[in-house]
Amino acid sequence: MINERDDIVLTTQEACHYMRISRPTYLKCLYSGKIKGTKVGKGWKVLKSELDRFLKGGDGPQPGNGNPKYQTLDPKHYQISPV
């Protein structure tokens, strides 16, 4: 059950202010799934408890965990040509 104190719904502007990050950075976190939110109309809504989880380093997508956006590059696949 969610703590009643943490069950506060924040708008994009409020979430950015709370986290002290820019709007584009916040939206990147939402689109990549690092922060779980809900699109309502033209804006996003997110629980304060979700932002706290993210800020504490909660279990969002990490590099190499199957998310293609965060795959570790293998240097064997790249050739360095002399200049």
C-alpha atoms as a PDB file:
ATOM      1  CA  MET A   1       0.000   0.000   0.000  1.00  0.00           C
ATOM      2  CA  ILE A   2       1.243   3.463  -0.836  1.00  0.00           C
ATOM      3  CA  ASN A   3       1.966   5.801   2.024  1.00  0.00           C
ATOM      4  CA  GLU A   4      -0.694   8.504   2.115  1.00  0.00           C
ATOM      5  CA  ARG A   5       2.057  11.080   2.524  1.00  0.00           C
ATOM      6  CA  ASP A   6       3.807   9.898  -0.666  1.00  0.00           C
ATOM      7  CA  ASP A   7       0.584   9.512  -2.655  1.00  0.00           C
ATOM      8  CA  ILE A   8       0.922  13.062  -3.993  1.00  0.00           C
ATOM      9  CA  VAL A   9       0.416  13.505  -7.741  1.00  0.00           C
ATOM     10  CA  LEU A  10       2.786  15.992  -9.377  1.00  0.00           C
ATOM     11  CA  THR A  11       2.650  17.728 -12.742  1.00  0.00           C
ATOM     12  CA  THR A  12       5.694  18.009 -14.996  1.00  0.00           C
ATOM     13  CA  GLN A  13       6.495  21.482 -13.703  1.00  0.00           C
ATOM     14  CA  GLU A  14       6.157  20.401 -10.061  1.00  0.00           C
ATOM     15  CA  ALA A  15       8.260  17.271 -10.654  1.00  0.00           C
ATOM     16  CA  CYS A  16      11.030  19.259 -12.352  1.00  0.00           C
ATOM     17  CA  HIS A  17      11.038  21.739  -9.496  1.00  0.00           C
ATOM     18  CA  TYR A  18      11.090  18.948  -6.877  1.00  0.00           C
ATOM     19  CA  MET A  19      13.952  17.115  -8.604  1.00  0.00           C
ATOM     20  CA  ARG A  20      15.777  20.325  -9.610  1.00  0.00           C
ATOM     21  CA  ILE A  21      16.225  19.200 -13.219  1.00  0.00           C
ATOM     22  CA  SER A  22      15.225  20.679 -16.565  1.00  0.00           C
ATOM     23  CA  ARG A  23      12.008  19.758 -18.349  1.00  0.00           C
ATOM     24  CA  PRO A  24      13.832  18.043 -21.265  1.00  0.00           C
ATOM     25  CA  THR A  25      15.848  15.901 -18.835  1.00  0.00           C
ATOM     26  CA  TYR A  26      12.694  14.947 -16.956  1.00  0.00           C
ATOM     27  CA  LEU A  27      10.889  14.008 -20.169  1.00  0.00           C
ATOM     28  CA  LYS A  28      13.843  11.860 -21.290  1.00  0.00           C
ATOM     29  CA  CYS A  29      13.591   9.957 -18.018  1.00  0.00           C
ATOM     30  CA  LEU A  30       9.864   9.426 -18.564  1.00  0.00           C
ATOM     31  CA  TYR A  31      10.205   8.319 -22.195  1.00  0.00           C
ATOM     32  CA  SER A  32      13.056   5.923 -21.397  1.00  0.00           C
ATOM     33  CA  GLY A  33      11.099   4.357 -18.533  1.00  0.00           C
ATOM     34  CA  LYS A  34      13.483   5.421 -15.779  1.00  0.00           C
ATOM     35  CA  ILE A  35      10.564   7.279 -14.188  1.00  0.00           C
ATOM     36  CA  LYS A  36       7.087   5.753 -14.345  1.00  0.00           C
ATOM     37  CA  GLY A  37       4.378   8.279 -15.093  1.00  0.00           C
ATOM     38  CA  THR A  38       0.999   8.575 -16.760  1.00  0.00           C
ATOM     39  CA  LYS A  39       0.128  10.778 -19.696  1.00  0.00           C
ATOM     40  CA  VAL A  40      -3.043  12.714 -18.874  1.00  0.00           C
ATOM     41  CA  GLY A  41      -4.238  14.982 -21.652  1.00  0.00           C
ATOM     42  CA  LYS A  42      -1.259  16.998 -22.838  1.00  0.00           C
ATOM     43  CA  GLY A  43       0.775  16.564 -19.663  1.00  0.00           C
ATOM     44  CA  TRP A  44       2.368  13.912 -17.489  1.00  0.00           C
ATOM     45  CA  LYS A  45       1.444  12.976 -13.924  1.00  0.00           C
ATOM     46  CA  VAL A  46       3.772  11.148 -11.579  1.00  0.00           C
ATOM     47  CA  LEU A  47       3.641  10.127  -7.932  1.00  0.00           C
ATOM     48  CA  LYS A  48       6.067  11.805  -5.559  1.00  0.00           C
ATOM     49  CA  SER A  49       6.972   8.351  -4.249  1.00  0.00           C
ATOM     50  CA  GLU A  50       8.073   7.383  -7.784  1.00  0.00           C
ATOM     51  CA  LEU A  51      10.386  10.386  -7.944  1.00  0.00           C
ATOM     52  CA  ASP A  52      11.813   9.466  -4.532  1.00  0.00           C
ATOM     53  CA  ARG A  53      12.420   5.904  -5.777  1.00  0.00           C
ATOM     54  CA  PHE A  54      14.222   7.257  -8.841  1.00  0.00           C
ATOM     55  CA  LEU A  55      16.336   9.688  -6.816  1.00  0.00           C
ATOM     56  CA  LYS A  56      17.366   6.915  -4.418  1.00  0.00           C
ATOM     57  CA  GLY A  57      18.605   4.880  -7.376  1.00  0.00           C
ATOM     58  CA  GLY A  58      15.616   2.576  -7.631  1.00  0.00           C
ATOM     59  CA  ASP A  59      15.383  -0.300 -10.075  1.00  0.00           C
ATOM     60  CA  GLY A  60      14.899   1.445 -13.395  1.00  0.00           C
ATOM     61  CA  PRO A  61      16.567   0.381 -16.667  1.00  0.00           C
ATOM     62  CA  GLN A  62      20.321   0.057 -16.347  1.00  0.00           C
ATOM     63  CA  PRO A  63      23.002  -0.296 -19.036  1.00  0.00           C
ATOM     64  CA  GLY A  64      23.251  -3.847 -20.326  1.00  0.00           C
ATOM     65  CA  ASN A  65      19.962  -5.092 -18.838  1.00  0.00           C
ATOM     66  CA  GLY A  66      18.322  -5.811 -22.179  1.00  0.00           C
ATOM     67  CA  ASN A  67      17.179  -2.276 -22.898  1.00  0.00           C
ATOM     68  CA  PRO A  68      18.538  -1.539 -26.401  1.00  0.00           C
ATOM     69  CA  LYS A  69      18.904   2.144 -25.587  1.00  0.00           C
ATOM     70  CA  TYR A  70      21.412   1.286 -22.846  1.00  0.00           C
ATOM     71  CA  GLN A  71      23.481  -1.478 -24.443  1.00  0.00           C
ATOM     72  CA  THR A  72      27.191  -1.559 -23.683  1.00  0.00           C
ATOM     73  CA  LEU A  73      29.271  -1.167 -26.818  1.00  0.00           C
ATOM     74  CA  ASP A  74      31.708  -3.956 -27.661  1.00  0.00           C
ATOM     75  CA  PRO A  75      35.017  -2.432 -28.876  1.00  0.00           C
ATOM     76  CA  LYS A  76      35.714  -5.575 -30.988  1.00  0.00           C
ATOM     77  CA  HIS A  77      33.068  -4.413 -33.466  1.00  0.00           C
ATOM     78  CA  TYR A  78      34.800  -1.132 -34.188  1.00  0.00           C
ATOM     79  CA  GLN A  79      37.943  -0.630 -36.241  1.00  0.00           C
ATOM     80  CA  ILE A  80      40.143   2.374 -35.752  1.00  0.00           C
ATOM     81  CA  SER A  81      41.632   3.535 -39.033  1.00  0.00           C
ATOM     82  CA  PRO A  82      44.883   5.467 -39.118  1.00  0.00           C
ATOM     83  CA  VAL A  83      44.530   9.147 -39.912  1.00  0.00           C
END
